[in-house]
Amino acid sequence: MSLSSVYLAEEALALPAAERETLARLLLASVAPDERTDDEIRAELKSRLA
């Protein structure tokens, strides 16, 4: 693990439990497989920006 990762882990562990839980959910969501095609993602982004 890189030094920056160790620093981030230490900072995360210093957070209150509720904030660590929120962070954990966000991190897990960021690595979850995304079954959408590129075209589906583009269409969603276009609709959000419209």
Protein backbone atom coordinates (compact mmCIF):
# COMPACT_ATOMS: atom_id res chain seq x y z
CA MET A 1 0.00 0.00 0.00
CA SER A 2 1.36 3.41 -0.91
CA LEU A 3 2.13 6.04 1.67
CA SER A 4 -0.82 8.13 0.51
CA SER A 5 -3.13 5.13 0.97
CA VAL A 6 -1.87 4.61 4.51
CA TYR A 7 -2.44 8.31 5.23
CA LEU A 8 -5.99 8.11 3.84
CA ALA A 9 -6.71 4.99 5.89
CA GLU A 10 -5.49 6.69 9.07
CA GLU A 11 -7.63 9.74 8.34
CA ALA A 12 -10.68 7.57 7.61
CA LEU A 13 -10.22 5.59 10.82
CA ALA A 14 -10.18 8.85 12.77
CA LEU A 15 -13.68 9.73 11.55
CA PRO A 16 -16.74 9.13 13.74
CA ALA A 17 -18.41 5.77 13.14
CA ALA A 18 -21.33 7.20 11.16
CA GLU A 19 -19.00 9.04 8.80
CA ARG A 20 -16.83 5.92 8.37
CA GLU A 21 -19.96 3.98 7.45
CA THR A 22 -20.93 6.57 4.84
CA LEU A 23 -17.39 6.55 3.44
CA ALA A 24 -17.36 2.75 3.34
CA ARG A 25 -20.61 2.68 1.37
CA LEU A 26 -19.26 5.24 -1.10
CA LEU A 27 -16.03 3.30 -1.56
CA LEU A 28 -17.86 0.02 -2.11
CA ALA A 29 -20.17 1.65 -4.64
CA SER A 30 -17.15 3.02 -6.50
CA VAL A 31 -15.80 -0.48 -7.19
CA ALA A 32 -19.12 -2.21 -7.88
CA PRO A 33 -19.44 -3.56 -11.41
CA ASP A 34 -21.40 -1.32 -13.75
CA GLU A 35 -23.38 -3.37 -16.24
CA ARG A 36 -24.40 -0.36 -18.33
CA THR A 37 -23.05 0.09 -21.83
CA ASP A 38 -21.18 3.22 -22.85
CA ASP A 39 -24.25 4.36 -24.79
CA GLU A 40 -26.46 3.94 -21.71
CA ILE A 41 -24.02 5.94 -19.61
CA ARG A 42 -23.86 8.70 -22.24
CA ALA A 43 -27.65 8.85 -22.42
CA GLU A 44 -27.93 9.13 -18.64
CA LEU A 45 -25.31 11.88 -18.52
CA LYS A 46 -27.05 13.80 -21.30
CA SER A 47 -30.38 13.59 -19.46
CA ARG A 48 -28.78 14.80 -16.21
CA LEU A 49 -27.15 17.75 -17.97
CA ALA A 50 -30.26 18.74 -19.92
